[in-house]
């Protein structure tokens, strides 16, 4: 399941992330694939509302990984408890890294708006 590999890669690469950030980064990845290939990379079920997007499947996929919840201020985050084999094509890794470079300095609101302002949002 590519979603598990993407989540594991993001948690490993970033040293941990909040589920909000995971969902937005994966959505941006899917939006890039829609733009270039006409379809999403993942099979996540995005629901949209006035505040953003969410996927009911994402928490279930996260539960299948060896993650630990770290309590921190202003909010906690998830980290991998053990090394996980990640099977992603180099092209996918390069895309993820490009997105991370693009969003690493964004606030939560800016990250959310980057997804919501995409011209491809309706195809997500």
N, C-alpha and C. Protein backbone atom coordinates (compact mmCIF):
# COMPACT_ATOMS: atom_id res chain seq x y z
N UNK A 1 0.86 -1.18 0.00
CA UNK A 1 0.00 0.00 0.00
C UNK A 1 0.90 1.23 0.00
N UNK A 2 0.81 2.00 -1.05
CA UNK A 2 1.70 3.15 -1.20
C UNK A 2 1.49 4.20 -0.11
N UNK A 3 0.29 4.31 0.40
CA UNK A 3 0.03 5.30 1.45
C UNK A 3 0.88 5.03 2.69
N UNK A 4 1.02 3.77 3.08
CA UNK A 4 1.85 3.44 4.25
C UNK A 4 3.30 3.82 4.01
N UNK A 5 3.78 3.55 2.81
CA UNK A 5 5.16 3.88 2.49
C UNK A 5 5.37 5.39 2.49
N UNK A 6 4.41 6.13 1.96
CA UNK A 6 4.51 7.59 1.95
C UNK A 6 4.52 8.14 3.38
N UNK A 7 3.62 7.66 4.20
CA UNK A 7 3.54 8.13 5.59
C UNK A 7 4.83 7.79 6.33
N UNK A 8 5.31 6.56 6.18
CA UNK A 8 6.55 6.16 6.84
C UNK A 8 7.71 7.02 6.37
N UNK A 9 7.78 7.28 5.08
CA UNK A 9 8.86 8.12 4.55
C UNK A 9 8.78 9.52 5.14
N UNK A 10 7.60 10.10 5.16
CA UNK A 10 7.44 11.45 5.71
C UNK A 10 7.82 11.51 7.18
N UNK A 11 7.38 10.53 7.96
CA UNK A 11 7.71 10.52 9.39
C UNK A 11 9.21 10.37 9.60
N UNK A 12 9.83 9.52 8.79
CA UNK A 12 11.28 9.31 8.90
C UNK A 12 12.04 10.54 8.45
N UNK A 13 11.68 11.08 7.31
CA UNK A 13 12.39 12.23 6.73
C UNK A 13 12.26 13.47 7.60
N UNK A 14 11.09 13.67 8.18
CA UNK A 14 10.82 14.88 8.96
C UNK A 14 11.09 14.70 10.45
N UNK A 15 11.35 13.49 10.88
CA UNK A 15 11.57 13.23 12.30
C UNK A 15 10.28 13.25 13.10
N UNK A 16 9.15 13.19 12.41
CA UNK A 16 7.83 13.21 13.05
C UNK A 16 6.97 14.31 12.48
N UNK A 17 5.68 14.07 12.43
CA UNK A 17 4.72 15.04 11.93
C UNK A 17 3.38 14.86 12.62
N UNK A 18 2.61 15.91 12.68
CA UNK A 18 1.24 15.85 13.15
C UNK A 18 0.38 15.30 12.00
N UNK A 19 -0.68 14.56 12.29
CA UNK A 19 -1.55 14.05 11.23
C UNK A 19 -2.07 15.14 10.28
N UNK A 20 -2.29 16.35 10.80
CA UNK A 20 -2.71 17.46 9.94
C UNK A 20 -1.69 17.69 8.83
N UNK A 21 -0.41 17.73 9.20
CA UNK A 21 0.64 17.97 8.22
C UNK A 21 0.76 16.80 7.25
N UNK A 22 0.66 15.58 7.78
CA UNK A 22 0.69 14.42 6.90
C UNK A 22 -0.40 14.51 5.84
N UNK A 23 -1.61 14.83 6.27
CA UNK A 23 -2.73 14.87 5.33
C UNK A 23 -2.54 15.94 4.26
N UNK A 24 -2.02 17.09 4.65
CA UNK A 24 -1.84 18.18 3.68
C UNK A 24 -0.70 17.89 2.70
N UNK A 25 0.38 17.32 3.20
CA UNK A 25 1.51 17.00 2.32
C UNK A 25 1.11 15.91 1.34
N UNK A 26 0.40 14.90 1.81
CA UNK A 26 -0.05 13.83 0.90
C UNK A 26 -1.05 14.39 -0.10
N UNK A 27 -1.92 15.29 0.34
CA UNK A 27 -2.87 15.91 -0.59
C UNK A 27 -2.13 16.70 -1.66
N UNK A 28 -1.09 17.43 -1.27
CA UNK A 28 -0.31 18.17 -2.26
C UNK A 28 0.36 17.23 -3.26
N UNK A 29 0.82 16.08 -2.78
CA UNK A 29 1.39 15.08 -3.67
C UNK A 29 0.33 14.58 -4.65
N UNK A 30 -0.85 14.27 -4.14
CA UNK A 30 -1.94 13.83 -5.02
C UNK A 30 -2.33 14.92 -6.01
N UNK A 31 -2.35 16.16 -5.58
CA UNK A 31 -2.69 17.27 -6.48
C UNK A 31 -1.66 17.40 -7.60
N UNK A 32 -0.39 17.20 -7.29
CA UNK A 32 0.64 17.24 -8.35
C UNK A 32 0.43 16.13 -9.36
N UNK A 33 0.08 14.95 -8.87
CA UNK A 33 -0.17 13.83 -9.78
C UNK A 33 -1.41 14.09 -10.63
N UNK A 34 -2.43 14.67 -10.05
CA UNK A 34 -3.62 15.01 -10.83
C UNK A 34 -3.25 16.00 -11.93
N UNK A 35 -2.47 17.01 -11.57
CA UNK A 35 -2.06 18.03 -12.55
C UNK A 35 -1.29 17.42 -13.71
N UNK A 36 -0.38 16.52 -13.40
CA UNK A 36 0.50 15.98 -14.44
C UNK A 36 -0.02 14.73 -15.12
N UNK A 37 -0.78 13.91 -14.38
CA UNK A 37 -1.18 12.61 -14.94
C UNK A 37 -2.68 12.40 -15.01
N UNK A 38 -3.42 13.35 -14.42
CA UNK A 38 -4.87 13.25 -14.47
C UNK A 38 -5.48 12.36 -13.41
N UNK A 39 -4.66 11.81 -12.50
CA UNK A 39 -5.18 10.97 -11.43
C UNK A 39 -4.28 11.05 -10.21
N UNK A 40 -4.86 10.71 -9.05
CA UNK A 40 -4.13 10.74 -7.79
C UNK A 40 -3.11 9.60 -7.75
N UNK A 41 -2.11 9.79 -6.92
CA UNK A 41 -1.15 8.72 -6.67
C UNK A 41 -1.71 7.75 -5.64
N UNK A 42 -2.40 8.27 -4.63
CA UNK A 42 -2.92 7.44 -3.54
C UNK A 42 -4.39 7.11 -3.77
N UNK A 43 -4.90 6.30 -2.86
CA UNK A 43 -6.33 5.96 -2.90
C UNK A 43 -7.06 6.58 -1.71
N UNK A 44 -6.46 7.62 -1.12
CA UNK A 44 -7.11 8.27 0.03
C UNK A 44 -8.44 8.88 -0.38
N UNK A 45 -9.37 8.85 0.55
CA UNK A 45 -10.74 9.33 0.34
C UNK A 45 -10.88 10.73 0.95
N UNK A 46 -10.55 11.73 0.20
CA UNK A 46 -10.59 13.09 0.73
C UNK A 46 -12.02 13.62 0.81
N UNK A 47 -12.35 14.17 1.97
CA UNK A 47 -13.59 14.92 2.12
C UNK A 47 -13.19 16.38 2.31
N UNK A 48 -13.97 17.25 1.71
CA UNK A 48 -13.66 18.67 1.78
C UNK A 48 -14.74 19.39 2.57
N UNK A 49 -14.30 20.38 3.36
CA UNK A 49 -15.25 21.26 4.02
C UNK A 49 -14.67 22.66 3.99
N UNK A 50 -15.35 23.59 4.61
CA UNK A 50 -14.90 24.98 4.52
C UNK A 50 -13.57 25.22 5.21
N UNK A 51 -13.14 24.32 6.08
CA UNK A 51 -11.89 24.49 6.83
C UNK A 51 -10.71 23.74 6.22
N UNK A 52 -10.99 22.86 5.30
CA UNK A 52 -9.91 22.09 4.70
C UNK A 52 -10.37 20.75 4.19
N UNK A 53 -9.48 19.79 4.27
CA UNK A 53 -9.77 18.44 3.81
C UNK A 53 -9.43 17.46 4.93
N UNK A 54 -9.94 16.27 4.81
CA UNK A 54 -9.55 15.19 5.70
C UNK A 54 -9.83 13.87 5.00
N UNK A 55 -9.22 12.83 5.51
CA UNK A 55 -9.43 11.49 4.98
C UNK A 55 -9.76 10.57 6.15
N UNK A 56 -10.85 9.89 6.06
CA UNK A 56 -11.22 8.94 7.11
C UNK A 56 -10.28 7.74 7.12
N UNK A 57 -9.64 7.44 6.00
CA UNK A 57 -8.73 6.30 5.93
C UNK A 57 -7.37 6.59 6.53
N UNK A 58 -6.96 7.84 6.52
CA UNK A 58 -5.61 8.17 6.98
C UNK A 58 -5.33 7.69 8.41
N UNK A 59 -6.20 7.95 9.39
CA UNK A 59 -5.93 7.45 10.75
C UNK A 59 -5.83 5.92 10.82
N UNK A 60 -6.60 5.23 10.01
CA UNK A 60 -6.56 3.77 9.99
C UNK A 60 -5.23 3.27 9.43
N UNK A 61 -4.73 3.95 8.41
CA UNK A 61 -3.44 3.57 7.84
C UNK A 61 -2.33 3.85 8.84
N UNK A 62 -2.40 4.99 9.50
CA UNK A 62 -1.39 5.34 10.51
C UNK A 62 -1.35 4.28 11.61
N UNK A 63 -2.52 3.77 12.02
CA UNK A 63 -2.59 2.74 13.07
C UNK A 63 -1.87 1.46 12.67
N UNK A 64 -1.71 1.22 11.38
CA UNK A 64 -1.05 0.02 10.89
C UNK A 64 0.48 0.14 10.94
N UNK A 65 0.97 1.32 11.23
CA UNK A 65 2.41 1.57 11.30
C UNK A 65 2.86 1.61 12.77
N UNK A 66 4.13 1.30 13.02
CA UNK A 66 4.63 1.38 14.39
C UNK A 66 4.95 2.84 14.77
N UNK A 67 3.91 3.57 15.13
CA UNK A 67 4.10 4.98 15.47
C UNK A 67 3.86 5.21 16.95
N UNK A 68 4.45 6.27 17.43
CA UNK A 68 4.28 6.70 18.80
C UNK A 68 3.82 8.15 18.78
N UNK A 69 2.87 8.46 19.66
CA UNK A 69 2.39 9.83 19.77
C UNK A 69 3.26 10.56 20.79
N UNK A 70 3.84 11.66 20.35
CA UNK A 70 4.69 12.46 21.22
C UNK A 70 3.91 13.69 21.63
N UNK A 71 3.80 13.91 22.92
CA UNK A 71 3.09 15.10 23.40
C UNK A 71 4.06 16.27 23.40
N UNK A 72 3.62 17.36 22.80
CA UNK A 72 4.44 18.57 22.71
C UNK A 72 3.53 19.77 22.57
N UNK A 73 4.07 20.93 22.78
CA UNK A 73 3.32 22.18 22.61
C UNK A 73 3.70 22.81 21.29
N UNK A 74 2.86 23.37 20.50
CA UNK A 74 1.45 23.59 20.79
C UNK A 74 0.58 22.35 20.53
N UNK A 75 1.12 21.35 19.84
CA UNK A 75 0.36 20.12 19.63
C UNK A 75 1.34 18.97 19.45
N UNK A 76 0.87 17.77 19.68
CA UNK A 76 1.71 16.60 19.57
C UNK A 76 1.96 16.19 18.13
N UNK A 77 2.76 15.15 17.98
CA UNK A 77 3.08 14.66 16.64
C UNK A 77 3.36 13.17 16.71
N UNK A 78 3.49 12.56 15.56
CA UNK A 78 3.74 11.13 15.46
C UNK A 78 5.18 10.89 15.01
N UNK A 79 5.80 9.86 15.58
CA UNK A 79 7.13 9.44 15.15
C UNK A 79 7.11 7.92 14.96
N UNK A 80 8.00 7.44 14.12
CA UNK A 80 8.15 6.00 13.96
C UNK A 80 8.89 5.44 15.17
N UNK A 81 8.38 4.36 15.74
CA UNK A 81 9.02 3.73 16.89
C UNK A 81 10.15 2.80 16.47
N UNK A 82 10.10 2.36 15.23
CA UNK A 82 11.13 1.44 14.73
C UNK A 82 11.32 1.69 13.24
N UNK A 83 12.44 1.19 12.74
CA UNK A 83 12.73 1.36 11.33
C UNK A 83 11.74 0.54 10.51
N UNK A 84 11.25 1.13 9.45
CA UNK A 84 10.26 0.49 8.59
C UNK A 84 10.82 0.46 7.17
N UNK A 85 10.68 -0.68 6.51
CA UNK A 85 11.11 -0.75 5.12
C UNK A 85 10.17 0.10 4.27
N UNK A 86 10.75 0.97 3.47
CA UNK A 86 9.98 1.88 2.63
C UNK A 86 10.23 1.53 1.17
N UNK A 87 9.15 1.24 0.45
CA UNK A 87 9.25 0.86 -0.95
C UNK A 87 8.57 1.91 -1.82
N UNK A 88 9.32 2.96 -2.14
CA UNK A 88 8.81 4.02 -3.00
C UNK A 88 9.75 4.19 -4.19
N UNK A 89 9.17 4.45 -5.33
CA UNK A 89 9.99 4.74 -6.50
C UNK A 89 10.73 6.05 -6.28
N UNK A 90 11.90 6.16 -6.87
CA UNK A 90 12.72 7.36 -6.73
C UNK A 90 11.95 8.61 -7.15
N UNK A 91 11.13 8.50 -8.19
CA UNK A 91 10.35 9.65 -8.65
C UNK A 91 9.40 10.16 -7.57
N UNK A 92 8.79 9.24 -6.83
CA UNK A 92 7.86 9.61 -5.76
C UNK A 92 8.64 10.29 -4.63
N UNK A 93 9.78 9.74 -4.29
CA UNK A 93 10.62 10.34 -3.24
C UNK A 93 11.03 11.75 -3.64
N UNK A 94 11.43 11.93 -4.89
CA UNK A 94 11.82 13.26 -5.36
C UNK A 94 10.66 14.24 -5.28
N UNK A 95 9.46 13.79 -5.62
CA UNK A 95 8.26 14.64 -5.52
C UNK A 95 7.99 15.04 -4.08
N UNK A 96 8.06 14.06 -3.20
CA UNK A 96 7.82 14.34 -1.78
C UNK A 96 8.85 15.35 -1.27
N UNK A 97 10.11 15.12 -1.59
CA UNK A 97 11.15 16.04 -1.13
C UNK A 97 10.96 17.44 -1.68
N UNK A 98 10.51 17.55 -2.91
CA UNK A 98 10.23 18.86 -3.51
C UNK A 98 9.10 19.56 -2.76
N UNK A 99 8.07 18.81 -2.44
CA UNK A 99 6.94 19.38 -1.68
C UNK A 99 7.41 19.82 -0.30
N UNK A 100 8.21 18.98 0.36
CA UNK A 100 8.71 19.34 1.68
C UNK A 100 9.54 20.62 1.63
N UNK A 101 10.38 20.75 0.61
CA UNK A 101 11.16 21.98 0.45
C UNK A 101 10.24 23.19 0.28
N UNK A 102 9.15 22.98 -0.43
CA UNK A 102 8.21 24.06 -0.74
C UNK A 102 7.38 24.49 0.48
N UNK A 103 7.09 23.57 1.38
CA UNK A 103 6.17 23.87 2.48
C UNK A 103 6.81 23.96 3.85
N UNK A 104 8.11 23.71 3.94
CA UNK A 104 8.72 23.61 5.27
C UNK A 104 8.62 24.89 6.09
N UNK A 105 8.53 26.03 5.47
CA UNK A 105 8.47 27.30 6.20
C UNK A 105 7.04 27.83 6.36
N UNK A 106 6.06 27.08 5.86
CA UNK A 106 4.67 27.56 5.90
C UNK A 106 4.04 27.32 7.27
N UNK A 107 3.19 28.25 7.66
CA UNK A 107 2.38 28.04 8.86
C UNK A 107 1.30 27.00 8.54
N UNK A 108 0.62 26.54 9.57
CA UNK A 108 -0.47 25.59 9.35
C UNK A 108 -1.52 26.17 8.42
N UNK A 109 -1.88 27.43 8.64
CA UNK A 109 -2.91 28.08 7.81
C UNK A 109 -2.43 28.20 6.36
N UNK A 110 -1.16 28.55 6.17
CA UNK A 110 -0.63 28.68 4.80
C UNK A 110 -0.58 27.32 4.11
N UNK A 111 -0.20 26.28 4.84
CA UNK A 111 -0.17 24.94 4.28
C UNK A 111 -1.57 24.50 3.87
N UNK A 112 -2.53 24.74 4.74
CA UNK A 112 -3.91 24.40 4.44
C UNK A 112 -4.41 25.15 3.21
N UNK A 113 -4.09 26.44 3.12
CA UNK A 113 -4.54 27.25 1.99
C UNK A 113 -3.86 26.82 0.69
N UNK A 114 -2.64 26.33 0.78
CA UNK A 114 -1.96 25.84 -0.43
C UNK A 114 -2.76 24.70 -1.05
N UNK A 115 -3.32 23.84 -0.21
CA UNK A 115 -4.16 22.75 -0.70
C UNK A 115 -5.49 23.31 -1.20
N UNK A 116 -6.13 24.15 -0.39
CA UNK A 116 -7.46 24.65 -0.73
C UNK A 116 -7.48 25.56 -1.96
N UNK A 117 -6.35 26.20 -2.25
CA UNK A 117 -6.29 27.10 -3.40
C UNK A 117 -5.86 26.42 -4.69
N UNK A 118 -5.62 25.13 -4.63
CA UNK A 118 -5.20 24.42 -5.84
C UNK A 118 -6.33 24.40 -6.87
N UNK A 119 -6.01 24.67 -8.13
CA UNK A 119 -7.04 24.59 -9.16
C UNK A 119 -7.53 23.16 -9.40
N UNK A 120 -6.86 22.19 -8.82
CA UNK A 120 -7.21 20.78 -9.01
C UNK A 120 -7.94 20.19 -7.80
N UNK A 121 -8.25 21.03 -6.83
CA UNK A 121 -8.88 20.56 -5.60
C UNK A 121 -10.17 19.78 -5.87
N UNK A 122 -10.96 20.24 -6.81
CA UNK A 122 -12.24 19.55 -7.08
C UNK A 122 -12.05 18.13 -7.63
N UNK A 123 -10.84 17.80 -8.07
CA UNK A 123 -10.57 16.46 -8.60
C UNK A 123 -9.94 15.55 -7.55
N UNK A 124 -9.71 16.12 -6.36
CA UNK A 124 -9.04 15.35 -5.31
C UNK A 124 -9.94 14.28 -4.76
